[in-house]
Structure formats: C-alpha cells, structure tokens
C-alpha cells in the first residue's frame, strides 16, 4: 500500500473537518443553507431557491411545528 501524497491527505482532512463542522452545526440547530442550495440545484433544477432569510425563517418554523414533511 502506497502512502498518500500530502495534497491528498490534506484534502481528505479538509473534507472530514467540513463534515464534522456541518454535523456540529446541525446538532445545535444551525441550519445548513449551502447544503440546501446544493440539494435544490441538484435534485430540483429550474425551481426557485429561497433566500437565506426565507430559508432561515422556514427552518425555524419547521423546528417548532408538529409533524414532519420532507420534499424527498
């Protein structure tokens, strides 16, 4: 097994740290706007994307309303 070049190792660490930060934010209730935008563009192309303010208000309302509904 060959050792990973420093650039690959660094890229892998950055990716892991990004995922860890995203998980920590979600655990304390901070919504992931960039994740939302990526999902909308990938899974629902051509449909409108909420602004950050609209997204934040919708997430706050969803957090405190009963029941669940998901787009996918």
PDB file of N, CA and C in Angstrom:
ATOM      1  N   UNK A   1       0.846  -1.173   0.000  1.00  0.00           N
ATOM      2  CA  UNK A   1       0.000   0.000   0.000  1.00  0.00           C
ATOM      3  C   UNK A   1       0.894   1.238   0.000  1.00  0.00           C
ATOM      4  N   UNK A   2       0.640   2.144  -0.951  1.00  0.00           N
ATOM      5  CA  UNK A   2       1.485   3.338  -1.054  1.00  0.00           C
ATOM      6  C   UNK A   2       1.010   4.424  -0.100  1.00  0.00           C
ATOM      7  N   UNK A   3       1.911   5.234   0.426  1.00  0.00           N
ATOM      8  CA  UNK A   3       1.490   6.343   1.289  1.00  0.00           C
ATOM      9  C   UNK A   3       0.819   7.435   0.453  1.00  0.00           C
ATOM     10  N   UNK A   4      -0.122   8.115   1.041  1.00  0.00           N
ATOM     11  CA  UNK A   4      -0.827   9.187   0.351  1.00  0.00           C
ATOM     12  C   UNK A   4       0.058  10.422   0.221  1.00  0.00           C
ATOM     13  N   UNK A   5       0.037  11.062  -0.940  1.00  0.00           N
ATOM     14  CA  UNK A   5       0.750  12.334  -1.067  1.00  0.00           C
ATOM     15  C   UNK A   5       0.147  13.363  -0.112  1.00  0.00           C
ATOM     16  N   UNK A   6       0.932  14.338   0.284  1.00  0.00           N
ATOM     17  CA  UNK A   6       0.494  15.337   1.252  1.00  0.00           C
ATOM     18  C   UNK A   6      -0.769  16.060   0.780  1.00  0.00           C
ATOM     19  N   UNK A   7      -0.871  16.372  -0.508  1.00  0.00           N
ATOM     20  CA  UNK A   7      -2.039  17.091  -1.024  1.00  0.00           C
ATOM     21  C   UNK A   7      -3.309  16.265  -0.862  1.00  0.00           C
ATOM     22  N   UNK A   8      -3.237  14.963  -1.125  1.00  0.00           N
ATOM     23  CA  UNK A   8      -4.411  14.094  -0.967  1.00  0.00           C
ATOM     24  C   UNK A   8      -4.798  13.970   0.501  1.00  0.00           C
ATOM     25  N   UNK A   9      -3.804  13.844   1.347  1.00  0.00           N
ATOM     26  CA  UNK A   9      -4.045  13.730   2.784  1.00  0.00           C
ATOM     27  C   UNK A   9      -4.704  15.006   3.317  1.00  0.00           C
ATOM     28  N   UNK A  10      -4.187  16.145   2.893  1.00  0.00           N
ATOM     29  CA  UNK A  10      -4.740  17.425   3.320  1.00  0.00           C
ATOM     30  C   UNK A  10      -6.181  17.595   2.820  1.00  0.00           C
ATOM     31  N   UNK A  11      -6.439  17.228   1.571  1.00  0.00           N
ATOM     32  CA  UNK A  11      -7.790  17.319   1.014  1.00  0.00           C
ATOM     33  C   UNK A  11      -8.751  16.420   1.790  1.00  0.00           C
ATOM     34  N   UNK A  12      -8.305  15.236   2.138  1.00  0.00           N
ATOM     35  CA  UNK A  12      -9.137  14.316   2.919  1.00  0.00           C
ATOM     36  C   UNK A  12      -9.450  14.868   4.299  1.00  0.00           C
ATOM     37  N   UNK A  13      -8.455  15.479   4.927  1.00  0.00           N
ATOM     38  CA  UNK A  13      -8.666  16.088   6.251  1.00  0.00           C
ATOM     39  C   UNK A  13      -9.634  17.260   6.165  1.00  0.00           C
ATOM     40  N   UNK A  14      -9.504  18.079   5.130  1.00  0.00           N
ATOM     41  CA  UNK A  14     -10.420  19.212   4.955  1.00  0.00           C
ATOM     42  C   UNK A  14     -11.855  18.737   4.780  1.00  0.00           C
ATOM     43  N   UNK A  15     -12.022  17.702   3.970  1.00  0.00           N
ATOM     44  CA  UNK A  15     -13.366  17.150   3.763  1.00  0.00           C
ATOM     45  C   UNK A  15     -13.964  16.617   5.059  1.00  0.00           C
ATOM     46  N   UNK A  16     -13.151  15.917   5.839  1.00  0.00           N
ATOM     47  CA  UNK A  16     -13.623  15.373   7.108  1.00  0.00           C
ATOM     48  C   UNK A  16     -13.981  16.493   8.079  1.00  0.00           C
ATOM     49  N   UNK A  17     -13.163  17.537   8.123  1.00  0.00           N
ATOM     50  CA  UNK A  17     -13.448  18.667   9.003  1.00  0.00           C
ATOM     51  C   UNK A  17     -14.714  19.401   8.575  1.00  0.00           C
ATOM     52  N   UNK A  18     -14.935  19.522   7.264  1.00  0.00           N
ATOM     53  CA  UNK A  18     -16.138  20.161   6.754  1.00  0.00           C
ATOM     54  C   UNK A  18     -17.385  19.390   7.208  1.00  0.00           C
ATOM     55  N   UNK A  19     -17.338  18.062   7.082  1.00  0.00           N
ATOM     56  CA  UNK A  19     -18.465  17.222   7.507  1.00  0.00           C
ATOM     57  C   UNK A  19     -18.680  17.304   9.021  1.00  0.00           C
ATOM     58  N   UNK A  20     -17.598  17.331   9.774  1.00  0.00           N
ATOM     59  CA  UNK A  20     -17.688  17.433  11.230  1.00  0.00           C
ATOM     60  C   UNK A  20     -18.323  18.762  11.636  1.00  0.00           C
ATOM     61  N   UNK A  21     -17.915  19.851  10.996  1.00  0.00           N
ATOM     62  CA  UNK A  21     -18.482  21.172  11.289  1.00  0.00           C
ATOM     63  C   UNK A  21     -19.964  21.208  10.937  1.00  0.00           C
ATOM     64  N   UNK A  22     -20.336  20.619   9.797  1.00  0.00           N
ATOM     65  CA  UNK A  22     -21.741  20.580   9.386  1.00  0.00           C
ATOM     66  C   UNK A  22     -22.561  19.810  10.411  1.00  0.00           C
ATOM     67  N   UNK A  23     -22.057  18.683  10.872  1.00  0.00           N
ATOM     68  CA  UNK A  23     -22.753  17.866  11.862  1.00  0.00           C
ATOM     69  C   UNK A  23     -22.910  18.623  13.171  1.00  0.00           C
ATOM     70  N   UNK A  24     -21.858  19.325  13.598  1.00  0.00           N
ATOM     71  CA  UNK A  24     -21.920  20.098  14.843  1.00  0.00           C
ATOM     72  C   UNK A  24     -22.957  21.216  14.729  1.00  0.00           C
ATOM     73  N   UNK A  25     -22.989  21.912  13.591  1.00  0.00           N
ATOM     74  CA  UNK A  25     -23.970  22.980  13.399  1.00  0.00           C
ATOM     75  C   UNK A  25     -25.394  22.431  13.462  1.00  0.00           C
ATOM     76  N   UNK A  26     -25.639  21.305  12.803  1.00  0.00           N
ATOM     77  CA  UNK A  26     -26.968  20.710  12.817  1.00  0.00           C
ATOM     78  C   UNK A  26     -27.350  20.241  14.217  1.00  0.00           C
ATOM     79  N   UNK A  27     -26.365  19.759  14.981  1.00  0.00           N
ATOM     80  CA  UNK A  27     -26.635  19.279  16.337  1.00  0.00           C
ATOM     81  C   UNK A  27     -27.091  20.404  17.261  1.00  0.00           C
ATOM     82  N   UNK A  28     -26.618  21.626  17.022  1.00  0.00           N
ATOM     83  CA  UNK A  28     -27.022  22.754  17.868  1.00  0.00           C
ATOM     84  C   UNK A  28     -28.125  23.579  17.229  1.00  0.00           C
ATOM     85  N   UNK A  29     -28.639  23.156  16.086  1.00  0.00           N
ATOM     86  CA  UNK A  29     -29.801  23.790  15.477  1.00  0.00           C
ATOM     87  C   UNK A  29     -29.521  24.879  14.473  1.00  0.00           C
ATOM     88  N   UNK A  30     -28.294  24.975  13.977  1.00  0.00           N
ATOM     89  CA  UNK A  30     -27.983  25.978  12.958  1.00  0.00           C
ATOM     90  C   UNK A  30     -28.226  25.341  11.586  1.00  0.00           C
ATOM     91  N   UNK A  31     -29.173  25.864  10.801  1.00  0.00           N
ATOM     92  CA  UNK A  31     -29.479  25.255   9.502  1.00  0.00           C
ATOM     93  C   UNK A  31     -28.345  25.415   8.493  1.00  0.00           C
ATOM     94  N   UNK A  32     -28.251  24.471   7.556  1.00  0.00           N
ATOM     95  CA  UNK A  32     -27.183  24.439   6.554  1.00  0.00           C
ATOM     96  C   UNK A  32     -27.701  24.995   5.230  1.00  0.00           C
ATOM     97  N   UNK A  33     -27.562  26.293   5.031  1.00  0.00           N
ATOM     98  CA  UNK A  33     -28.071  26.933   3.822  1.00  0.00           C
ATOM     99  C   UNK A  33     -27.348  26.435   2.574  1.00  0.00           C
ATOM    100  N   UNK A  34     -26.033  26.307   2.624  1.00  0.00           N
ATOM    101  CA  UNK A  34     -25.280  25.844   1.451  1.00  0.00           C
ATOM    102  C   UNK A  34     -25.697  24.433   1.056  1.00  0.00           C
ATOM    103  N   UNK A  35     -25.955  23.590   2.036  1.00  0.00           N
ATOM    104  CA  UNK A  35     -26.441  22.235   1.754  1.00  0.00           C
ATOM    105  C   UNK A  35     -27.805  22.265   1.085  1.00  0.00           C
ATOM    106  N   UNK A  36     -28.660  23.168   1.563  1.00  0.00           N
ATOM    107  CA  UNK A  36     -29.985  23.342   0.968  1.00  0.00           C
ATOM    108  C   UNK A  36     -29.870  23.781  -0.496  1.00  0.00           C
ATOM    109  N   UNK A  37     -29.031  24.790  -0.748  1.00  0.00           N
ATOM    110  CA  UNK A  37     -28.862  25.302  -2.114  1.00  0.00           C
ATOM    111  C   UNK A  37     -28.329  24.200  -3.029  1.00  0.00           C
ATOM    112  N   UNK A  38     -27.340  23.462  -2.559  1.00  0.00           N
ATOM    113  CA  UNK A  38     -26.779  22.362  -3.358  1.00  0.00           C
ATOM    114  C   UNK A  38     -27.843  21.325  -3.678  1.00  0.00           C
ATOM    115  N   UNK A  39     -28.645  20.965  -2.672  1.00  0.00           N
ATOM    116  CA  UNK A  39     -29.707  19.975  -2.865  1.00  0.00           C
ATOM    117  C   UNK A  39     -30.718  20.466  -3.899  1.00  0.00           C
ATOM    118  N   UNK A  40     -31.170  21.718  -3.773  1.00  0.00           N
ATOM    119  CA  UNK A  40     -32.159  22.262  -4.700  1.00  0.00           C
ATOM    120  C   UNK A  40     -31.637  22.268  -6.127  1.00  0.00           C
ATOM    121  N   UNK A  41     -30.392  22.679  -6.305  1.00  0.00           N
ATOM    122  CA  UNK A  41     -29.832  22.748  -7.662  1.00  0.00           C
ATOM    123  C   UNK A  41     -29.642  21.368  -8.266  1.00  0.00           C
ATOM    124  N   UNK A  42     -29.289  20.385  -7.426  1.00  0.00           N
ATOM    125  CA  UNK A  42     -29.055  19.038  -7.915  1.00  0.00           C
ATOM    126  C   UNK A  42     -30.365  18.276  -8.153  1.00  0.00           C
ATOM    127  N   UNK A  43     -31.272  18.314  -7.185  1.00  0.00           N
ATOM    128  CA  UNK A  43     -32.491  17.499  -7.230  1.00  0.00           C
ATOM    129  C   UNK A  43     -33.704  18.202  -7.815  1.00  0.00           C
ATOM    130  N   UNK A  44     -33.705  19.545  -7.808  1.00  0.00           N
ATOM    131  CA  UNK A  44     -34.865  20.298  -8.283  1.00  0.00           C
ATOM    132  C   UNK A  44     -34.422  21.435  -9.203  1.00  0.00           C
ATOM    133  N   UNK A  45     -33.712  21.106 -10.276  1.00  0.00           N
ATOM    134  CA  UNK A  45     -33.214  22.167 -11.159  1.00  0.00           C
ATOM    135  C   UNK A  45     -34.357  22.956 -11.791  1.00  0.00           C
ATOM    136  N   UNK A  46     -34.142  24.247 -11.945  1.00  0.00           N
ATOM    137  CA  UNK A  46     -35.147  25.096 -12.550  1.00  0.00           C
ATOM    138  C   UNK A  46     -36.189  25.621 -11.578  1.00  0.00           C
ATOM    139  N   UNK A  47     -36.260  25.051 -10.387  1.00  0.00           N
ATOM    140  CA  UNK A  47     -37.198  25.529  -9.382  1.00  0.00           C
ATOM    141  C   UNK A  47     -36.528  26.632  -8.564  1.00  0.00           C
ATOM    142  N   UNK A  48     -37.317  27.527  -7.986  1.00  0.00           N
ATOM    143  CA  UNK A  48     -36.725  28.631  -7.221  1.00  0.00           C
ATOM    144  C   UNK A  48     -36.025  28.156  -5.950  1.00  0.00           C
ATOM    145  N   UNK A  49     -35.038  28.922  -5.535  1.00  0.00           N
ATOM    146  CA  UNK A  49     -34.287  28.661  -4.308  1.00  0.00           C
ATOM    147  C   UNK A  49     -34.575  29.815  -3.353  1.00  0.00           C
ATOM    148  N   UNK A  50     -34.930  29.495  -2.108  1.00  0.00           N
ATOM    149  CA  UNK A  50     -35.219  30.532  -1.127  1.00  0.00           C
ATOM    150  C   UNK A  50     -33.964  31.343  -0.807  1.00  0.00           C
ATOM    151  N   UNK A  51     -34.162  32.610  -0.466  1.00  0.00           N
ATOM    152  CA  UNK A  51     -33.046  33.424   0.015  1.00  0.00           C
ATOM    153  C   UNK A  51     -32.644  32.897   1.397  1.00  0.00           C
ATOM    154  N   UNK A  52     -31.500  33.344   1.893  1.00  0.00           N
ATOM    155  CA  UNK A  52     -31.056  32.886   3.212  1.00  0.00           C
ATOM    156  C   UNK A  52     -32.094  33.243   4.277  1.00  0.00           C
ATOM    157  N   UNK A  53     -32.651  34.442   4.206  1.00  0.00           N
ATOM    158  CA  UNK A  53     -33.635  34.880   5.191  1.00  0.00           C
ATOM    159  C   UNK A  53     -34.895  34.016   5.142  1.00  0.00           C
ATOM    160  N   UNK A  54     -35.391  33.742   3.936  1.00  0.00           N
ATOM    161  CA  UNK A  54     -36.565  32.883   3.784  1.00  0.00           C
ATOM    162  C   UNK A  54     -36.279  31.480   4.310  1.00  0.00           C
ATOM    163  N   UNK A  55     -35.108  30.960   3.965  1.00  0.00           N
ATOM    164  CA  UNK A  55     -34.701  29.632   4.409  1.00  0.00           C
ATOM    165  C   UNK A  55     -34.641  29.566   5.936  1.00  0.00           C
ATOM    166  N   UNK A  56     -34.021  30.570   6.548  1.00  0.00           N
ATOM    167  CA  UNK A  56     -33.866  30.579   7.993  1.00  0.00           C
ATOM    168  C   UNK A  56     -35.232  30.626   8.682  1.00  0.00           C
ATOM    169  N   UNK A  57     -36.142  31.486   8.193  1.00  0.00           N
ATOM    170  CA  UNK A  57     -37.487  31.572   8.765  1.00  0.00           C
ATOM    171  C   UNK A  57     -38.234  30.245   8.616  1.00  0.00           C
ATOM    172  N   UNK A  58     -38.126  29.622   7.448  1.00  0.00           N
ATOM    173  CA  UNK A  58     -38.805  28.343   7.200  1.00  0.00           C
ATOM    174  C   UNK A  58     -38.252  27.254   8.112  1.00  0.00           C
ATOM    175  N   UNK A  59     -36.941  27.204   8.287  1.00  0.00           N
ATOM    176  CA  UNK A  59     -36.319  26.201   9.159  1.00  0.00           C
ATOM    177  C   UNK A  59     -36.729  26.408  10.609  1.00  0.00           C
ATOM    178  N   UNK A  60     -36.795  27.668  11.029  1.00  0.00           N
ATOM    179  CA  UNK A  60     -37.218  27.966  12.394  1.00  0.00           C
ATOM    180  C   UNK A  60     -38.663  27.525  12.612  1.00  0.00           C
ATOM    181  N   UNK A  61     -39.537  27.815  11.650  1.00  0.00           N
ATOM    182  CA  UNK A  61     -40.935  27.389  11.740  1.00  0.00           C
ATOM    183  C   UNK A  61     -41.037  25.868  11.746  1.00  0.00           C
ATOM    184  N   UNK A  62     -40.262  25.207  10.908  1.00  0.00           N
ATOM    185  CA  UNK A  62     -40.298  23.744  10.835  1.00  0.00           C
ATOM    186  C   UNK A  62     -39.817  23.108  12.137  1.00  0.00           C
ATOM    187  N   UNK A  63     -38.876  23.750  12.777  1.00  0.00           N
ATOM    188  CA  UNK A  63     -38.332  23.212  14.028  1.00  0.00           C
ATOM    189  C   UNK A  63     -39.391  23.180  15.124  1.00  0.00           C
ATOM    190  N   UNK A  64     -40.280  24.165  15.131  1.00  0.00           N
ATOM    191  CA  UNK A  64     -41.254  24.272  16.201  1.00  0.00           C
ATOM    192  C   UNK A  64     -42.656  23.800  15.842  1.00  0.00           C
ATOM    193  N   UNK A  65     -42.869  23.371  14.588  1.00  0.00           N
ATOM    194  CA  UNK A  65     -44.200  22.871  14.238  1.00  0.00           C
ATOM    195  C   UNK A  65     -44.236  21.355  14.443  1.00  0.00           C
ATOM    196  N   UNK A  66     -45.407  20.850  14.696  1.00  0.00           N
ATOM    197  CA  UNK A  66     -45.557  19.408  14.930  1.00  0.00           C
ATOM    198  C   UNK A  66     -45.687  18.668  13.595  1.00  0.00           C
ATOM    199  N   UNK A  67     -45.303  17.393  13.607  1.00  0.00           N
ATOM    200  CA  UNK A  67     -45.370  16.591  12.394  1.00  0.00           C
ATOM    201  C   UNK A  67     -44.157  16.841  11.514  1.00  0.00           C
ATOM    202  N   UNK A  68     -44.004  16.039  10.491  1.00  0.00           N
ATOM    203  CA  UNK A  68     -42.877  16.205   9.589  1.00  0.00           C
ATOM    204  C   UNK A  68     -43.342  16.147   8.148  1.00  0.00           C
ATOM    205  N   UNK A  69     -42.648  16.857   7.312  1.00  0.00           N
ATOM    206  CA  UNK A  69     -42.856  16.726   5.876  1.00  0.00           C
ATOM    207  C   UNK A  69     -41.532  17.025   5.211  1.00  0.00           C
ATOM    208  N   UNK A  70     -41.202  16.245   4.211  1.00  0.00           N
ATOM    209  CA  UNK A  70     -39.933  16.403   3.512  1.00  0.00           C
ATOM    210  C   UNK A  70     -40.200  16.391   2.022  1.00  0.00           C
ATOM    211  N   UNK A  71     -39.331  17.053   1.288  1.00  0.00           N
ATOM    212  CA  UNK A  71     -39.541  17.076  -0.161  1.00  0.00           C
ATOM    213  C   UNK A  71     -39.065  15.789  -0.816  1.00  0.00           C
ATOM    214  N   UNK A  72     -38.117  15.106  -0.206  1.00  0.00           N
ATOM    215  CA  UNK A  72     -37.545  13.910  -0.848  1.00  0.00           C
ATOM    216  C   UNK A  72     -37.479  12.722   0.089  1.00  0.00           C
TER     217      UNK A  72
END
